[in-house]
Amino acid sequence: MAAPTPPSSSPLFRTPESAASKAAQPLPRPSLPLSPSSPGDDFDPAKPQSVSISKLVGIFKEIRQGLWKHPSPGWAKYRVSVEAYLELLQRIANDRDDSFVGWFNDKARYDYNSAKEELILRIAPTPLHDCFCAFVVKRIEDKLAALTAQHPVELGPALVGVRPCSTARVRFDASDTDTDTDELNPDADPFTSPSPASSPTSSPDQKSPDNQFQHNLAHWPSIVFKVAYSQKAEDLPKVADDYICLTGGNISAVVGLKVDYTPPREKAQARGIKALKPPSKQGHVIMWRLQEFTETSNGEEIPYKEVTAVTEEIFRTATGRCIPGTLSLPLTDFLPPVVLDVYPQARALTETTTVDITHAELCAELADAEARDRVRARGNGLKADADPLIRKRKPEEVDGREKRKNVRVERADKPYRGRA
């Protein structure tokens, strides 16, 4: 069965600068930053910095080795043209260090916007944020499995194709990443004028979510999850706007999980340090969707859609108390209309069903993630004694064994034996 073609971006989608400010108010910053670096007075973390391609390659290698530090906590923006970005990818692909190339292709976390010519390098989440997001996604996955068991005929065939895809990069079509100005008609209204017909082509634009759900027939994920760092919470509305609008609404929702975080530490008194104020334990959940509005132009009401924060709730207080509530996700966030066209028997039930996650469940998953984070940080978890027979191979031994392994693989290959 051929996968359905995703619909093109709707001309009703609107992404004015005011959308980010209307989506959510900036969340308060913690008193203690996660990064110990101290930027200079003239450093503006919101302004992209100019950097050479060689320097960027070096930065990626430092990120891989855990040596990279940047004065902007959370992520860093660099001014990189499309030509320079493509050259960067080519230079990394041709790097002599195959392990670095593999790491870049599989694990490097960065976003690129060709319209703004911005490359954004994102620091990986802390173990707490990673675990919390993974636990929430696993709970959602279990609820989808329960729905499949309850409705095997109506929902089973459709839901079997829905899976979490972790941090897999989301690439945008070139037709969706154009700027708001029509170069052939600069006087046209970018929000009401239809876009010229064109087939989607490959685009360098991409983003790396913290998790996502995607149906195996869909071109894009239908819902994305983002970990909201305390320092960068005010950037989430713009990130959500990009995910939803640059996929023409195929990504129907972006869920942000924001947790106030202070790294675990030993008791202050034991370290001879004056006792500090207890860290905040506050947790937020924020969800963005397209909302329809109308504006009046020349006496005529014109409809348009903007990405808006439809949910913004505190599920745990600063003192750690759970606040009753529920995060409801329509099942259409996992089985979008384009997929339901293939599974019409699932449409009626899908459109009336929600996947509900209570605040108590969010608090339980966050408490579990925090407990694991404390064990990791303090090093007091259970572990077996090191096996005295373990010997780390020397670099030259690794190269020699890999070469011998490749020879064995080639000789085991049938075409190779045929040539012999």
Protein backbone atom coordinates (compact mmCIF):
# COMPACT_ATOMS: atom_id res chain seq x y z
CA MET A 1 0.00 0.00 0.00
CA ALA A 2 1.44 3.34 -1.02
CA ALA A 3 1.83 5.95 1.68
CA PRO A 4 -0.55 8.88 1.33
CA THR A 5 0.93 12.14 0.16
CA PRO A 6 0.89 14.78 2.91
CA PRO A 7 -1.19 17.84 2.16
CA SER A 8 0.59 21.04 1.26
CA SER A 9 0.72 23.97 3.63
CA SER A 10 -2.58 25.77 3.94
CA PRO A 11 -2.63 29.47 2.99
CA LEU A 12 -4.69 30.00 6.16
CA PHE A 13 -1.66 29.30 8.33
CA ARG A 14 -0.25 32.50 9.72
CA THR A 15 3.02 33.00 11.52
CA PRO A 16 3.36 36.67 12.46
CA GLU A 17 5.89 37.67 15.07
CA SER A 18 3.10 38.20 17.57
CA ALA A 19 2.25 34.50 17.52
CA ALA A 20 5.15 33.62 19.78
CA SER A 21 4.23 36.25 22.33
CA LYS A 22 0.56 35.26 22.26
CA ALA A 23 1.36 31.56 22.60
CA ALA A 24 2.77 31.72 26.10
CA GLN A 25 4.23 34.15 28.57
CA PRO A 26 7.93 33.58 29.37
CA LEU A 27 8.39 31.29 32.35
CA PRO A 28 10.55 32.47 35.29
CA ARG A 29 14.24 31.67 35.18
CA PRO A 30 15.91 29.86 38.08
CA SER A 31 18.38 31.71 40.27
CA LEU A 32 21.14 29.18 39.57
CA PRO A 33 21.98 28.64 35.86
CA LEU A 34 22.90 25.19 34.60
CA SER A 35 25.99 26.49 32.84
CA PRO A 36 28.94 27.88 34.83
CA SER A 37 30.18 29.95 31.93
CA SER A 38 30.07 33.74 32.14
CA PRO A 39 29.43 35.58 28.85
CA GLY A 40 30.81 39.02 28.34
CA ASP A 41 28.69 42.13 28.58
CA ASP A 42 28.63 42.49 24.80
CA PHE A 43 27.46 38.93 24.14
CA ASP A 44 23.89 38.58 22.93
CA PRO A 45 22.79 34.90 23.04
CA ALA A 46 19.76 35.69 20.84
CA LYS A 47 21.96 36.97 18.00
CA PRO A 48 23.50 34.36 15.67
CA GLN A 49 27.29 34.37 15.78
CA SER A 50 29.51 34.19 12.69
CA VAL A 51 31.85 31.20 12.54
CA SER A 52 33.93 29.36 9.93
CA ILE A 53 33.11 25.88 8.66
CA SER A 54 36.33 24.50 10.15
CA LYS A 55 35.39 25.96 13.51
CA LEU A 56 31.93 24.36 13.32
CA VAL A 57 33.47 20.96 12.59
CA GLY A 58 35.69 21.43 15.63
CA ILE A 59 32.70 22.43 17.77
CA PHE A 60 30.81 19.28 16.79
CA LYS A 61 33.85 17.19 17.72
CA GLU A 62 34.07 18.95 21.08
CA ILE A 63 30.37 18.30 21.69
CA ARG A 64 30.92 14.63 21.02
CA GLN A 65 33.80 14.53 23.51
CA GLY A 66 31.88 16.50 26.12
CA LEU A 67 34.38 19.37 26.00
CA TRP A 68 32.27 22.08 24.37
CA LYS A 69 31.04 25.02 26.43
CA HIS A 70 29.12 28.00 25.15
CA PRO A 71 28.12 31.18 26.99
CA SER A 72 24.47 30.67 25.96
CA PRO A 73 22.99 27.87 28.13
CA GLY A 74 20.81 25.36 26.31
CA TRP A 75 21.79 26.12 22.72
CA ALA A 76 23.87 28.35 20.48
CA LYS A 77 22.97 30.09 17.22
CA TYR A 78 25.36 30.55 14.30
CA ARG A 79 24.94 32.45 11.03
CA VAL A 80 25.46 29.85 8.28
CA SER A 81 24.40 30.28 4.66
CA VAL A 82 22.79 27.40 2.80
CA GLU A 83 25.94 26.93 0.71
CA ALA A 84 28.12 26.89 3.82
CA TYR A 85 25.76 24.46 5.56
CA LEU A 86 25.86 22.01 2.64
CA GLU A 87 29.66 22.32 2.58
CA LEU A 88 29.71 21.62 6.34
CA LEU A 89 27.72 18.41 5.82
CA GLN A 90 30.03 17.36 2.98
CA ARG A 91 33.16 18.07 5.00
CA ILE A 92 31.87 16.05 7.94
CA ALA A 93 30.87 13.18 5.63
CA ASN A 94 34.44 13.10 4.28
CA ASP A 95 36.07 13.24 7.73
CA ARG A 96 38.71 10.57 8.33
CA ASP A 97 37.21 9.67 11.70
CA ASP A 98 34.41 7.26 10.77
CA SER A 99 33.21 7.10 14.37
CA PHE A 100 32.72 10.88 14.39
CA VAL A 101 30.78 10.72 11.12
CA GLY A 102 28.55 8.01 12.56
CA TRP A 103 27.98 10.02 15.73
CA PHE A 104 27.07 13.13 13.72
CA ASN A 105 24.57 11.24 11.56
CA ASP A 106 22.96 9.39 14.46
CA LYS A 107 23.26 11.53 17.59
CA ALA A 108 24.19 15.14 16.86
CA ARG A 109 21.33 17.42 17.93
CA TYR A 110 20.96 20.57 15.90
CA ASP A 111 18.41 22.59 13.93
CA TYR A 112 18.91 24.43 10.65
CA ASN A 113 16.69 27.18 9.19
CA SER A 114 17.58 28.09 5.60
CA ALA A 115 15.29 31.15 5.51
CA LYS A 116 17.09 32.71 8.49
CA GLU A 117 20.42 31.02 7.65
CA GLU A 118 20.70 29.87 11.27
CA LEU A 119 22.37 26.75 12.63
CA ILE A 120 21.33 26.01 16.21
CA LEU A 121 23.42 23.62 18.30
CA ARG A 122 21.50 22.16 21.22
CA ILE A 123 23.09 20.73 24.34
CA ALA A 124 21.72 17.28 25.13
CA PRO A 125 19.14 17.15 27.93
CA THR A 126 20.18 16.18 31.44
CA PRO A 127 19.52 12.55 32.46
CA LEU A 128 16.51 13.80 34.44
CA HIS A 129 14.93 15.53 31.42
CA ASP A 130 15.72 12.61 29.12
CA CYS A 131 14.27 10.04 31.53
CA PHE A 132 11.18 12.09 32.31
CA CYS A 133 10.34 12.57 28.64
CA ALA A 134 10.97 8.88 27.90
CA PHE A 135 8.79 7.78 30.83
CA VAL A 136 5.89 10.01 29.72
CA VAL A 137 6.14 8.69 26.16
CA LYS A 138 6.21 5.09 27.44
CA ARG A 139 3.06 5.73 29.49
CA ILE A 140 1.34 7.10 26.37
CA GLU A 141 2.50 4.06 24.41
CA ASP A 142 0.94 1.78 27.06
CA LYS A 143 -2.37 3.67 26.82
CA LEU A 144 -2.36 3.28 23.03
CA ALA A 145 -1.74 -0.45 23.48
CA ALA A 146 -4.71 -0.61 25.88
CA LEU A 147 -6.93 1.08 23.28
CA THR A 148 -5.77 -1.47 20.69
CA ALA A 149 -6.71 -4.32 23.04
CA GLN A 150 -10.12 -2.77 23.79
CA HIS A 151 -10.98 -2.09 20.13
CA PRO A 152 -9.02 -4.64 18.06
CA VAL A 153 -11.32 -4.37 15.03
CA GLU A 154 -11.86 -0.62 14.82
CA LEU A 155 -8.50 0.73 16.09
CA GLY A 156 -6.13 -2.24 15.99
CA PRO A 157 -5.11 -2.11 12.30
CA ALA A 158 -4.51 1.66 12.45
CA LEU A 159 -2.78 1.94 15.84
CA VAL A 160 -0.33 -0.86 15.08
CA GLY A 161 1.53 1.59 12.83
CA VAL A 162 1.96 4.25 15.54
CA ARG A 163 5.34 4.17 17.27
CA PRO A 164 7.53 6.65 19.19
CA CYS A 165 10.53 7.71 17.10
CA SER A 166 12.68 9.31 19.83
CA THR A 167 14.94 12.14 18.59
CA ALA A 168 14.83 11.27 14.87
CA ARG A 169 15.34 14.48 12.90
CA VAL A 170 12.31 16.10 11.33
CA ARG A 171 13.12 17.42 7.85
CA PHE A 172 10.91 19.99 6.18
CA ASP A 173 10.00 20.20 2.52
CA ALA A 174 11.49 23.10 0.57
CA SER A 175 8.01 24.34 -0.35
CA ASP A 176 7.23 24.72 3.37
CA THR A 177 10.38 26.59 4.37
CA ASP A 178 10.06 29.58 2.05
CA THR A 179 9.98 33.01 3.59
CA ASP A 180 6.71 34.92 3.89
CA THR A 181 7.52 37.11 0.88
CA ASP A 182 6.64 35.99 -2.63
CA GLU A 183 9.70 36.94 -4.69
CA LEU A 184 7.64 36.97 -7.91
CA ASN A 185 4.94 39.15 -6.37
CA PRO A 186 6.41 41.15 -3.47
CA ASP A 187 3.20 43.20 -3.02
CA ALA A 188 1.08 40.11 -2.39
CA ASP A 189 -0.30 39.44 1.09
CA PRO A 190 1.76 36.46 2.35
CA PHE A 191 -1.11 35.31 4.58
CA THR A 192 -3.94 35.30 2.04
CA SER A 193 -2.31 34.88 -1.38
CA PRO A 194 -2.10 31.27 -2.59
CA SER A 195 1.37 29.81 -2.95
CA PRO A 196 2.53 28.91 -6.45
CA ALA A 197 2.10 25.25 -7.25
CA SER A 198 5.29 23.30 -6.81
CA SER A 199 6.25 19.81 -5.84
CA PRO A 200 8.03 19.37 -2.50
CA THR A 201 11.77 19.05 -2.89
CA SER A 202 14.59 18.28 -0.54
CA SER A 203 15.37 21.03 1.95
CA PRO A 204 18.28 21.45 4.37
CA ASP A 205 15.84 22.65 7.07
CA GLN A 206 15.45 20.26 9.97
CA LYS A 207 14.82 20.05 13.70
CA SER A 208 15.58 17.49 16.40
CA PRO A 209 12.68 16.88 18.81
CA ASP A 210 13.09 15.23 22.19
CA ASN A 211 10.48 12.61 21.25
CA GLN A 212 7.65 12.12 18.77
CA PHE A 213 4.94 9.74 17.58
CA GLN A 214 4.63 8.84 13.91
CA HIS A 215 2.47 6.47 11.89
CA ASN A 216 4.40 4.28 9.47
CA LEU A 217 2.35 5.63 6.55
CA ALA A 218 2.81 9.29 7.46
CA HIS A 219 5.48 11.57 6.04
CA TRP A 220 5.92 13.45 9.34
CA PRO A 221 5.27 12.72 13.00
CA SER A 222 1.86 13.87 14.18
CA ILE A 223 2.84 14.98 17.68
CA VAL A 224 6.18 16.21 19.04
CA PHE A 225 7.50 16.45 22.60
CA LYS A 226 10.03 19.05 23.71
CA VAL A 227 11.95 19.27 26.97
CA ALA A 228 11.71 22.86 28.16
CA TYR A 229 14.95 24.01 29.74
CA SER A 230 14.42 26.68 32.37
CA GLN A 231 16.72 29.11 30.54
CA LYS A 232 15.08 28.61 27.14
CA ALA A 233 11.40 28.26 28.07
CA GLU A 234 10.63 31.55 26.33
CA ASP A 235 11.83 30.06 23.01
CA LEU A 236 9.34 27.19 23.03
CA PRO A 237 6.48 29.09 21.34
CA LYS A 238 8.66 29.80 18.30
CA VAL A 239 9.87 26.20 18.22
CA ALA A 240 6.27 24.94 18.34
CA ASP A 241 5.32 27.42 15.61
CA ASP A 242 8.03 26.03 13.33
CA TYR A 243 7.11 22.37 13.88
CA ILE A 244 3.43 22.92 13.14
CA CYS A 245 3.56 25.56 10.40
CA LEU A 246 6.54 24.18 8.48
CA THR A 247 4.73 20.84 8.15
CA GLY A 248 1.51 22.48 7.01
CA GLY A 249 -0.28 21.32 10.16
CA ASN A 250 0.75 17.67 9.70
CA ILE A 251 2.30 17.95 13.16
CA SER A 252 -0.90 18.78 15.00
CA ALA A 253 0.47 19.35 18.50
CA VAL A 254 3.69 20.16 20.32
CA VAL A 255 3.87 19.24 24.01
CA GLY A 256 6.43 21.03 26.17
CA LEU A 257 7.55 19.53 29.49
CA LYS A 258 9.23 22.15 31.64
CA VAL A 259 10.86 21.17 34.93
CA ASP A 260 12.78 23.45 37.28
CA TYR A 261 16.09 21.69 37.78
CA THR A 262 18.96 21.93 40.24
CA PRO A 263 21.75 19.32 39.90
CA PRO A 264 21.83 16.86 42.84
CA ARG A 265 24.46 17.60 45.49
CA GLU A 266 25.63 16.23 48.80
CA LYS A 267 24.22 17.75 51.96
CA ALA A 268 25.50 21.30 52.30
CA GLN A 269 26.46 20.85 55.96
CA ALA A 270 28.64 17.82 55.16
CA ARG A 271 30.58 19.91 52.64
CA GLY A 272 31.07 22.80 55.05
CA ILE A 273 28.76 25.04 53.02
CA LYS A 274 25.97 27.18 54.39
CA ALA A 275 22.61 25.52 53.82
CA LEU A 276 20.97 26.70 50.60
CA LYS A 277 17.34 27.43 49.91
CA PRO A 278 15.56 24.22 48.80
CA PRO A 279 15.47 24.02 44.99
CA SER A 280 12.18 24.50 43.17
CA LYS A 281 10.37 21.32 42.15
CA GLN A 282 7.83 23.05 39.93
CA GLY A 283 6.71 21.27 36.76
CA HIS A 284 4.77 22.69 33.81
CA VAL A 285 3.08 21.10 30.82
CA ILE A 286 2.37 23.30 27.79
CA MET A 287 0.66 22.29 24.56
CA TRP A 288 0.46 24.23 21.29
CA ARG A 289 -2.03 23.73 18.48
CA LEU A 290 -3.45 25.60 15.50
CA GLN A 291 -6.38 27.80 16.47
CA GLU A 292 -8.68 29.49 13.96
CA PHE A 293 -9.27 33.24 14.12
CA THR A 294 -10.85 35.84 11.88
CA GLU A 295 -9.85 39.37 10.97
CA THR A 296 -11.81 42.05 9.19
CA SER A 297 -10.41 43.49 5.95
CA ASN A 298 -12.44 45.91 3.83
CA GLY A 299 -15.58 44.86 5.67
CA GLU A 300 -14.96 41.17 4.98
CA GLU A 301 -14.10 38.59 7.65
CA ILE A 302 -11.05 36.57 6.65
CA PRO A 303 -10.27 33.34 8.53
CA TYR A 304 -6.72 32.36 9.41
CA LYS A 305 -4.95 29.99 11.80
CA GLU A 306 -2.17 30.61 14.31
CA VAL A 307 -0.24 28.35 16.63
CA THR A 308 -1.48 29.04 20.14
CA ALA A 309 -0.83 27.61 23.59
CA VAL A 310 -4.10 25.81 24.31
CA THR A 311 -2.82 24.25 27.55
CA GLU A 312 -0.41 25.77 30.05
CA GLU A 313 -0.67 24.20 33.47
CA ILE A 314 1.45 23.60 36.56
CA PHE A 315 1.22 19.93 37.49
CA ARG A 316 3.62 20.11 40.47
CA THR A 317 4.27 23.05 42.79
CA ALA A 318 7.67 24.42 43.80
CA THR A 319 7.42 22.45 47.06
CA GLY A 320 6.69 19.19 45.23
CA ARG A 321 2.92 18.98 45.76
CA CYS A 322 0.96 17.44 42.90
CA ILE A 323 -1.86 19.60 41.53
CA PRO A 324 -4.90 17.64 40.27
CA GLY A 325 -5.51 17.82 36.56
CA THR A 326 -5.36 15.95 33.25
CA LEU A 327 -3.51 16.39 29.98
CA SER A 328 -5.89 15.17 27.25
CA LEU A 329 -4.52 14.30 23.83
CA PRO A 330 -7.11 13.55 21.11
CA LEU A 331 -6.47 10.23 19.42
CA THR A 332 -6.27 12.21 16.18
CA ASP A 333 -2.86 13.41 17.43
CA PHE A 334 -1.69 9.86 16.74
CA LEU A 335 -4.03 8.92 13.88
CA PRO A 336 -4.28 12.11 11.81
CA PRO A 337 -6.97 12.55 9.12
CA VAL A 338 -4.57 11.62 6.31
CA VAL A 339 -4.04 8.22 7.99
CA LEU A 340 -7.74 7.78 8.79
CA ASP A 341 -8.42 8.05 5.06
CA VAL A 342 -6.64 4.69 4.78
CA TYR A 343 -8.45 3.22 7.82
CA PRO A 344 -12.04 4.57 7.53
CA GLN A 345 -13.33 2.04 10.07
CA ALA A 346 -11.29 3.80 12.77
CA ARG A 347 -12.49 7.35 12.06
CA ALA A 348 -15.64 7.51 14.21
CA LEU A 349 -14.00 6.12 17.34
CA THR A 350 -10.77 8.05 16.80
CA GLU A 351 -12.57 11.39 16.58
CA THR A 352 -14.28 10.82 19.95
CA THR A 353 -11.42 9.25 21.92
CA THR A 354 -8.68 10.92 23.95
CA VAL A 355 -5.47 9.68 25.53
CA ASP A 356 -5.55 11.08 29.06
CA ILE A 357 -2.48 11.54 31.28
CA THR A 358 -3.28 12.72 34.77
CA HIS A 359 -1.07 15.15 36.65
CA ALA A 360 -0.59 12.41 39.25
CA GLU A 361 0.93 10.22 36.53
CA LEU A 362 3.20 13.07 35.41
CA CYS A 363 4.33 13.60 39.03
CA ALA A 364 5.01 9.88 39.44
CA GLU A 365 7.14 9.74 36.30
CA LEU A 366 9.01 12.89 37.28
CA ALA A 367 9.69 11.53 40.78
CA ASP A 368 11.06 8.32 39.23
CA ALA A 369 13.33 10.33 36.91
CA GLU A 370 14.56 12.44 39.83
CA ALA A 371 15.34 9.37 41.92
CA ARG A 372 17.43 7.88 39.12
CA ASP A 373 19.18 11.21 38.57
CA ARG A 374 20.18 11.35 42.25
CA VAL A 375 21.59 7.82 42.11
CA ARG A 376 23.62 8.67 39.00
CA ALA A 377 24.95 11.92 40.47
CA ARG A 378 25.89 10.52 43.88
CA GLY A 379 27.27 7.24 42.60
CA ASN A 380 25.63 5.22 45.36
CA GLY A 381 23.66 2.82 43.16
CA LEU A 382 24.15 -0.93 43.06
CA LYS A 383 27.00 -2.09 40.86
CA ALA A 384 29.08 -5.22 40.58
CA ASP A 385 32.82 -5.25 41.16
CA ALA A 386 34.87 -4.76 38.01
CA ASP A 387 35.72 -8.03 36.27
CA PRO A 388 39.53 -8.41 36.59
CA LEU A 389 39.67 -10.25 33.25
CA ILE A 390 38.37 -7.27 31.29
CA ARG A 391 41.07 -5.67 29.17
CA LYS A 392 40.53 -2.58 27.06
CA ARG A 393 41.89 -3.04 23.56
CA LYS A 394 44.60 -0.71 22.38
CA PRO A 395 43.81 1.50 19.37
CA GLU A 396 46.13 -0.45 17.09
CA GLU A 397 44.49 -3.72 18.18
CA VAL A 398 41.06 -2.31 17.41
CA ASP A 399 42.13 -1.32 13.90
CA GLY A 400 43.73 -4.73 13.26
CA ARG A 401 40.74 -6.70 14.49
CA GLU A 402 38.33 -4.56 12.51
CA LYS A 403 40.34 -5.18 9.33
CA ARG A 404 40.36 -8.94 9.95
CA LYS A 405 36.62 -8.86 10.62
CA ASN A 406 36.00 -7.03 7.34
CA VAL A 407 38.01 -9.64 5.48
CA ARG A 408 35.94 -12.45 7.04
CA VAL A 409 32.71 -10.66 6.07
CA GLU A 410 33.89 -10.24 2.48
CA ARG A 411 34.90 -13.90 2.21
CA ALA A 412 31.53 -14.99 3.59
CA ASP A 413 29.74 -12.96 0.95
CA LYS A 414 28.43 -15.18 -1.87
CA PRO A 415 29.48 -12.90 -4.76
CA TYR A 416 32.96 -12.78 -3.24
CA ARG A 417 33.16 -16.61 -3.11
CA GLY A 418 31.93 -16.75 -6.67
CA ARG A 419 34.73 -14.47 -7.83
CA ALA A 420 37.27 -16.55 -5.91
